[in-house]
N, C-alpha and C. Protein backbone atom coordinates (compact mmCIF):
# COMPACT_ATOMS: atom_id res chain seq x y z
N MET A 1 -7.77 -49.23 -30.54
CA MET A 1 -6.44 -49.32 -31.07
C MET A 1 -5.67 -48.00 -30.95
N LYS A 2 -6.36 -46.84 -31.13
CA LYS A 2 -5.67 -45.56 -31.06
C LYS A 2 -4.93 -45.37 -29.75
N SER A 3 -5.43 -45.94 -28.67
CA SER A 3 -4.79 -45.76 -27.37
C SER A 3 -3.41 -46.43 -27.31
N GLN A 4 -3.09 -47.27 -28.27
CA GLN A 4 -1.79 -47.94 -28.27
C GLN A 4 -0.69 -47.10 -28.92
N PHE A 5 -1.05 -46.05 -29.63
CA PHE A 5 -0.06 -45.23 -30.31
C PHE A 5 0.64 -44.32 -29.31
N THR A 6 1.95 -44.18 -29.45
CA THR A 6 2.72 -43.38 -28.50
C THR A 6 3.37 -42.15 -29.12
N ASN A 7 3.58 -42.15 -30.44
CA ASN A 7 4.16 -40.98 -31.08
C ASN A 7 3.84 -40.99 -32.57
N LEU A 8 4.20 -39.91 -33.23
CA LEU A 8 3.95 -39.75 -34.66
C LEU A 8 5.23 -39.29 -35.33
N ILE A 9 5.59 -39.95 -36.43
CA ILE A 9 6.75 -39.57 -37.22
C ILE A 9 6.28 -39.31 -38.64
N SER A 10 6.47 -38.09 -39.10
CA SER A 10 6.15 -37.75 -40.48
C SER A 10 7.45 -37.82 -41.28
N VAL A 11 7.42 -38.51 -42.41
CA VAL A 11 8.63 -38.74 -43.21
C VAL A 11 8.55 -37.94 -44.50
N PHE A 12 9.58 -37.12 -44.74
CA PHE A 12 9.70 -36.37 -45.99
C PHE A 12 10.88 -36.93 -46.77
N PRO A 13 10.64 -37.52 -47.95
CA PRO A 13 11.76 -37.92 -48.79
C PRO A 13 12.38 -36.67 -49.42
N VAL A 14 13.72 -36.59 -49.42
CA VAL A 14 14.41 -35.42 -49.97
C VAL A 14 15.47 -35.89 -50.97
N LYS A 15 15.70 -35.07 -52.00
CA LYS A 15 16.68 -35.42 -53.03
C LYS A 15 18.10 -35.26 -52.54
N ASP A 16 18.37 -34.21 -51.76
CA ASP A 16 19.72 -33.92 -51.28
C ASP A 16 19.63 -33.57 -49.80
N LEU A 17 20.06 -34.48 -48.96
CA LEU A 17 19.92 -34.28 -47.51
C LEU A 17 20.69 -33.05 -47.04
N GLY A 18 21.86 -32.80 -47.60
CA GLY A 18 22.65 -31.63 -47.20
C GLY A 18 21.91 -30.33 -47.47
N THR A 19 21.32 -30.21 -48.65
CA THR A 19 20.54 -29.02 -48.99
C THR A 19 19.35 -28.87 -48.05
N SER A 20 18.67 -29.98 -47.79
CA SER A 20 17.51 -29.93 -46.89
C SER A 20 17.91 -29.58 -45.47
N LEU A 21 19.01 -30.14 -44.98
CA LEU A 21 19.46 -29.82 -43.62
C LEU A 21 19.80 -28.34 -43.49
N ALA A 22 20.39 -27.75 -44.52
CA ALA A 22 20.68 -26.32 -44.48
C ALA A 22 19.39 -25.52 -44.42
N TRP A 23 18.39 -25.91 -45.20
CA TRP A 23 17.12 -25.19 -45.22
C TRP A 23 16.38 -25.36 -43.89
N TYR A 24 16.22 -26.59 -43.42
CA TYR A 24 15.51 -26.83 -42.15
C TYR A 24 16.29 -26.24 -40.98
N GLY A 25 17.61 -26.23 -41.10
CA GLY A 25 18.44 -25.66 -40.03
C GLY A 25 18.16 -24.20 -39.78
N LYS A 26 17.68 -23.48 -40.79
CA LYS A 26 17.36 -22.06 -40.62
C LYS A 26 16.29 -21.84 -39.56
N TRP A 27 15.36 -22.78 -39.45
CA TRP A 27 14.26 -22.55 -38.50
C TRP A 27 14.10 -23.65 -37.47
N LEU A 28 14.75 -24.81 -37.66
CA LEU A 28 14.67 -25.88 -36.65
C LEU A 28 16.01 -26.16 -35.98
N GLY A 29 17.07 -25.57 -36.48
CA GLY A 29 18.38 -25.85 -35.91
C GLY A 29 18.92 -27.19 -36.39
N GLN A 30 19.82 -27.75 -35.62
CA GLN A 30 20.42 -29.04 -35.96
C GLN A 30 19.43 -30.17 -35.70
N PRO A 31 19.51 -31.26 -36.48
CA PRO A 31 18.64 -32.41 -36.20
C PRO A 31 18.89 -32.94 -34.79
N ASP A 32 17.86 -33.49 -34.19
CA ASP A 32 18.00 -34.08 -32.86
C ASP A 32 18.66 -35.45 -32.93
N VAL A 33 18.44 -36.16 -34.03
CA VAL A 33 18.99 -37.51 -34.18
C VAL A 33 19.36 -37.73 -35.64
N ILE A 34 20.50 -38.36 -35.86
CA ILE A 34 20.86 -38.87 -37.19
C ILE A 34 21.05 -40.37 -37.00
N PRO A 35 19.96 -41.14 -37.14
CA PRO A 35 20.00 -42.56 -36.80
C PRO A 35 20.82 -43.42 -37.75
N MET A 36 21.00 -42.94 -38.98
CA MET A 36 21.79 -43.69 -39.96
C MET A 36 22.12 -42.76 -41.11
N GLU A 37 23.02 -43.16 -41.95
CA GLU A 37 23.40 -42.35 -43.10
C GLU A 37 22.17 -42.09 -43.98
N GLY A 38 22.00 -40.83 -44.38
CA GLY A 38 20.89 -40.48 -45.26
C GLY A 38 19.58 -40.19 -44.55
N VAL A 39 19.60 -40.16 -43.22
CA VAL A 39 18.38 -39.92 -42.44
C VAL A 39 18.69 -38.92 -41.32
N ALA A 40 17.81 -37.94 -41.14
CA ALA A 40 17.92 -36.99 -40.04
C ALA A 40 16.54 -36.77 -39.44
N GLU A 41 16.49 -36.61 -38.11
CA GLU A 41 15.20 -36.47 -37.44
C GLU A 41 15.19 -35.25 -36.52
N TYR A 42 14.08 -34.53 -36.58
CA TYR A 42 13.82 -33.39 -35.70
C TYR A 42 12.67 -33.75 -34.78
N GLN A 43 12.88 -33.57 -33.48
CA GLN A 43 11.79 -33.78 -32.53
C GLN A 43 11.03 -32.46 -32.42
N LEU A 44 9.80 -32.43 -32.93
CA LEU A 44 9.01 -31.21 -32.96
C LEU A 44 8.26 -30.96 -31.67
N THR A 45 7.75 -32.01 -31.05
CA THR A 45 7.12 -31.95 -29.74
C THR A 45 7.51 -33.22 -29.01
N GLU A 46 7.01 -33.40 -27.82
CA GLU A 46 7.37 -34.59 -27.04
C GLU A 46 7.11 -35.88 -27.82
N ASN A 47 6.04 -35.92 -28.58
CA ASN A 47 5.65 -37.16 -29.26
C ASN A 47 5.55 -37.03 -30.78
N ALA A 48 6.12 -35.99 -31.36
CA ALA A 48 6.02 -35.79 -32.81
C ALA A 48 7.39 -35.50 -33.41
N TRP A 49 7.70 -36.23 -34.47
CA TRP A 49 9.00 -36.13 -35.12
C TRP A 49 8.82 -35.86 -36.61
N LEU A 50 9.79 -35.17 -37.20
CA LEU A 50 9.89 -35.01 -38.64
C LEU A 50 11.17 -35.70 -39.08
N GLN A 51 11.04 -36.67 -39.96
CA GLN A 51 12.20 -37.41 -40.46
C GLN A 51 12.45 -37.03 -41.92
N LEU A 52 13.68 -36.64 -42.21
CA LEU A 52 14.11 -36.39 -43.59
C LEU A 52 14.91 -37.60 -44.02
N THR A 53 14.57 -38.16 -45.16
CA THR A 53 15.29 -39.33 -45.65
C THR A 53 15.66 -39.11 -47.11
N GLN A 54 16.94 -39.31 -47.42
CA GLN A 54 17.41 -39.07 -48.78
C GLN A 54 16.99 -40.23 -49.67
N GLU A 55 15.92 -39.99 -50.42
CA GLU A 55 15.40 -40.99 -51.36
C GLU A 55 14.40 -40.31 -52.28
N GLU A 56 14.13 -40.93 -53.39
CA GLU A 56 13.13 -40.40 -54.31
C GLU A 56 11.75 -40.52 -53.68
N GLY A 57 10.93 -39.53 -53.92
CA GLY A 57 9.58 -39.58 -53.37
C GLY A 57 8.75 -38.42 -53.87
N THR A 58 7.52 -38.40 -53.44
CA THR A 58 6.57 -37.37 -53.83
C THR A 58 6.45 -36.35 -52.70
N ALA A 59 6.30 -35.09 -53.07
CA ALA A 59 6.12 -34.04 -52.07
C ALA A 59 4.86 -34.31 -51.25
N THR A 60 4.93 -33.99 -49.98
CA THR A 60 3.82 -34.20 -49.07
C THR A 60 3.66 -32.96 -48.20
N SER A 61 2.89 -33.05 -47.14
CA SER A 61 2.68 -31.88 -46.29
C SER A 61 2.50 -32.29 -44.84
N ILE A 62 2.67 -31.28 -43.98
CA ILE A 62 2.46 -31.46 -42.55
C ILE A 62 1.87 -30.16 -42.03
N ILE A 63 1.03 -30.25 -41.02
CA ILE A 63 0.47 -29.07 -40.37
C ILE A 63 0.94 -29.06 -38.93
N LEU A 64 1.54 -27.94 -38.52
CA LEU A 64 2.04 -27.79 -37.15
C LEU A 64 1.17 -26.77 -36.42
N GLY A 65 0.60 -27.16 -35.31
CA GLY A 65 -0.19 -26.25 -34.50
C GLY A 65 0.71 -25.29 -33.74
N VAL A 66 0.36 -24.02 -33.71
CA VAL A 66 1.14 -22.99 -33.02
C VAL A 66 0.22 -22.12 -32.18
N ASP A 67 0.81 -21.44 -31.21
CA ASP A 67 0.04 -20.53 -30.35
C ASP A 67 -0.09 -19.13 -30.94
N ASP A 68 0.93 -18.68 -31.70
CA ASP A 68 0.94 -17.31 -32.22
C ASP A 68 1.44 -17.31 -33.66
N ILE A 69 0.51 -17.35 -34.60
CA ILE A 69 0.86 -17.44 -36.03
C ILE A 69 1.66 -16.24 -36.50
N HIS A 70 1.36 -15.05 -35.96
CA HIS A 70 2.08 -13.84 -36.37
C HIS A 70 3.54 -13.91 -35.95
N LYS A 71 3.79 -14.39 -34.75
CA LYS A 71 5.16 -14.53 -34.25
C LYS A 71 5.93 -15.57 -35.07
N VAL A 72 5.29 -16.69 -35.38
CA VAL A 72 5.94 -17.74 -36.17
C VAL A 72 6.30 -17.19 -37.55
N ARG A 73 5.36 -16.51 -38.19
CA ARG A 73 5.62 -15.97 -39.53
C ARG A 73 6.78 -14.97 -39.49
N GLU A 74 6.80 -14.11 -38.48
CA GLU A 74 7.88 -13.14 -38.34
C GLU A 74 9.23 -13.84 -38.16
N GLN A 75 9.27 -14.89 -37.34
CA GLN A 75 10.51 -15.64 -37.14
C GLN A 75 10.98 -16.29 -38.43
N LEU A 76 10.06 -16.83 -39.22
CA LEU A 76 10.43 -17.44 -40.50
C LEU A 76 11.01 -16.38 -41.44
N LEU A 77 10.38 -15.22 -41.51
CA LEU A 77 10.90 -14.14 -42.33
C LEU A 77 12.30 -13.73 -41.88
N ASN A 78 12.50 -13.63 -40.57
CA ASN A 78 13.80 -13.25 -40.02
C ASN A 78 14.89 -14.27 -40.32
N GLN A 79 14.51 -15.51 -40.59
CA GLN A 79 15.47 -16.56 -40.92
C GLN A 79 15.71 -16.66 -42.43
N GLY A 80 15.14 -15.73 -43.20
CA GLY A 80 15.36 -15.72 -44.64
C GLY A 80 14.45 -16.64 -45.42
N LEU A 81 13.39 -17.13 -44.79
CA LEU A 81 12.43 -17.99 -45.47
C LEU A 81 11.30 -17.13 -46.02
N GLU A 82 10.45 -17.71 -46.85
CA GLU A 82 9.38 -16.97 -47.51
C GLU A 82 8.01 -17.56 -47.19
N PRO A 83 7.51 -17.32 -45.98
CA PRO A 83 6.17 -17.85 -45.65
C PRO A 83 5.09 -17.10 -46.42
N SER A 84 3.98 -17.79 -46.65
CA SER A 84 2.84 -17.16 -47.30
C SER A 84 2.25 -16.11 -46.37
N ASP A 85 1.35 -15.31 -46.90
CA ASP A 85 0.58 -14.42 -46.05
C ASP A 85 -0.28 -15.27 -45.11
N ILE A 86 -0.69 -14.68 -44.02
CA ILE A 86 -1.57 -15.39 -43.08
C ILE A 86 -2.98 -15.40 -43.66
N MET A 87 -3.55 -16.59 -43.70
CA MET A 87 -4.91 -16.78 -44.20
C MET A 87 -5.86 -16.94 -43.01
N ASP A 88 -7.01 -16.31 -43.09
CA ASP A 88 -8.04 -16.41 -42.05
C ASP A 88 -9.15 -17.32 -42.56
N TRP A 89 -9.26 -18.51 -41.97
CA TRP A 89 -10.27 -19.49 -42.37
C TRP A 89 -11.44 -19.52 -41.39
N GLU A 90 -11.62 -18.47 -40.62
CA GLU A 90 -12.67 -18.28 -39.62
C GLU A 90 -12.46 -19.11 -38.36
N VAL A 91 -12.04 -20.35 -38.47
CA VAL A 91 -11.80 -21.18 -37.28
C VAL A 91 -10.32 -21.39 -37.03
N VAL A 92 -9.50 -21.00 -38.00
CA VAL A 92 -8.06 -21.18 -37.87
C VAL A 92 -7.34 -20.16 -38.77
N PHE A 93 -6.19 -19.69 -38.30
CA PHE A 93 -5.29 -18.87 -39.11
C PHE A 93 -4.16 -19.77 -39.57
N THR A 94 -3.74 -19.64 -40.82
CA THR A 94 -2.64 -20.47 -41.33
C THR A 94 -1.66 -19.64 -42.14
N CYS A 95 -0.44 -20.12 -42.20
CA CYS A 95 0.54 -19.68 -43.19
C CYS A 95 1.40 -20.89 -43.49
N GLU A 96 2.13 -20.84 -44.59
CA GLU A 96 2.90 -22.03 -44.96
C GLU A 96 4.19 -21.65 -45.67
N ILE A 97 5.09 -22.61 -45.68
CA ILE A 97 6.34 -22.51 -46.41
C ILE A 97 6.52 -23.81 -47.19
N GLU A 98 7.39 -23.78 -48.19
CA GLU A 98 7.73 -24.98 -48.94
C GLU A 98 9.22 -25.21 -48.86
N ASP A 99 9.61 -26.47 -48.65
CA ASP A 99 11.03 -26.79 -48.60
C ASP A 99 11.57 -26.97 -50.03
N PRO A 100 12.88 -27.19 -50.18
CA PRO A 100 13.46 -27.31 -51.52
C PRO A 100 12.89 -28.45 -52.37
N ASP A 101 12.27 -29.44 -51.74
CA ASP A 101 11.68 -30.57 -52.47
C ASP A 101 10.19 -30.41 -52.70
N GLY A 102 9.62 -29.27 -52.32
CA GLY A 102 8.20 -29.02 -52.54
C GLY A 102 7.28 -29.49 -51.43
N HIS A 103 7.85 -29.97 -50.32
CA HIS A 103 7.01 -30.35 -49.17
C HIS A 103 6.44 -29.08 -48.57
N ARG A 104 5.14 -29.12 -48.25
CA ARG A 104 4.48 -27.95 -47.67
C ARG A 104 4.41 -28.11 -46.16
N ILE A 105 4.92 -27.12 -45.44
CA ILE A 105 4.82 -27.09 -43.98
C ILE A 105 3.86 -25.95 -43.66
N SER A 106 2.72 -26.31 -43.10
CA SER A 106 1.70 -25.32 -42.73
C SER A 106 1.73 -25.12 -41.23
N PHE A 107 1.50 -23.90 -40.82
CA PHE A 107 1.41 -23.54 -39.41
C PHE A 107 -0.02 -23.09 -39.18
N ALA A 108 -0.65 -23.58 -38.13
CA ALA A 108 -2.06 -23.29 -37.88
C ALA A 108 -2.28 -22.86 -36.44
N GLN A 109 -2.99 -21.75 -36.28
CA GLN A 109 -3.39 -21.26 -34.96
C GLN A 109 -4.90 -21.28 -34.89
N GLU A 110 -5.43 -22.02 -33.94
CA GLU A 110 -6.88 -22.07 -33.77
C GLU A 110 -7.39 -20.71 -33.30
N VAL A 111 -8.56 -20.33 -33.80
CA VAL A 111 -9.19 -19.07 -33.41
C VAL A 111 -9.97 -19.31 -32.13
N ALA A 112 -9.75 -18.44 -31.16
CA ALA A 112 -10.51 -18.55 -29.90
C ALA A 112 -11.97 -18.25 -30.18
N ILE A 113 -12.82 -19.12 -29.68
CA ILE A 113 -14.26 -18.95 -29.91
C ILE A 113 -14.94 -18.50 -28.64
């Protein structure tokens, strides 16, 4: 069955779409698609999307794989965001940020073995 899947969309419910778009815009730019009122979508990779939808919900998380965790963290800092320190988990380096609704976005760089 897994071979039938073509893409992945992670959905974050947000209380105020305007506030969230301003925050995500700092590091992702403008949404790639606004398919309907109250919904905005960012294409993160060829087959992976992040959808923000204005509705009540519980905070969730997503992990984004990156090639250079130090560069990503520096870019986030330069955009006025507050990423965590880089954590070394022996097999992966991570850092994370939280959006205005408490969603955790983690960035992970695999350690070369």
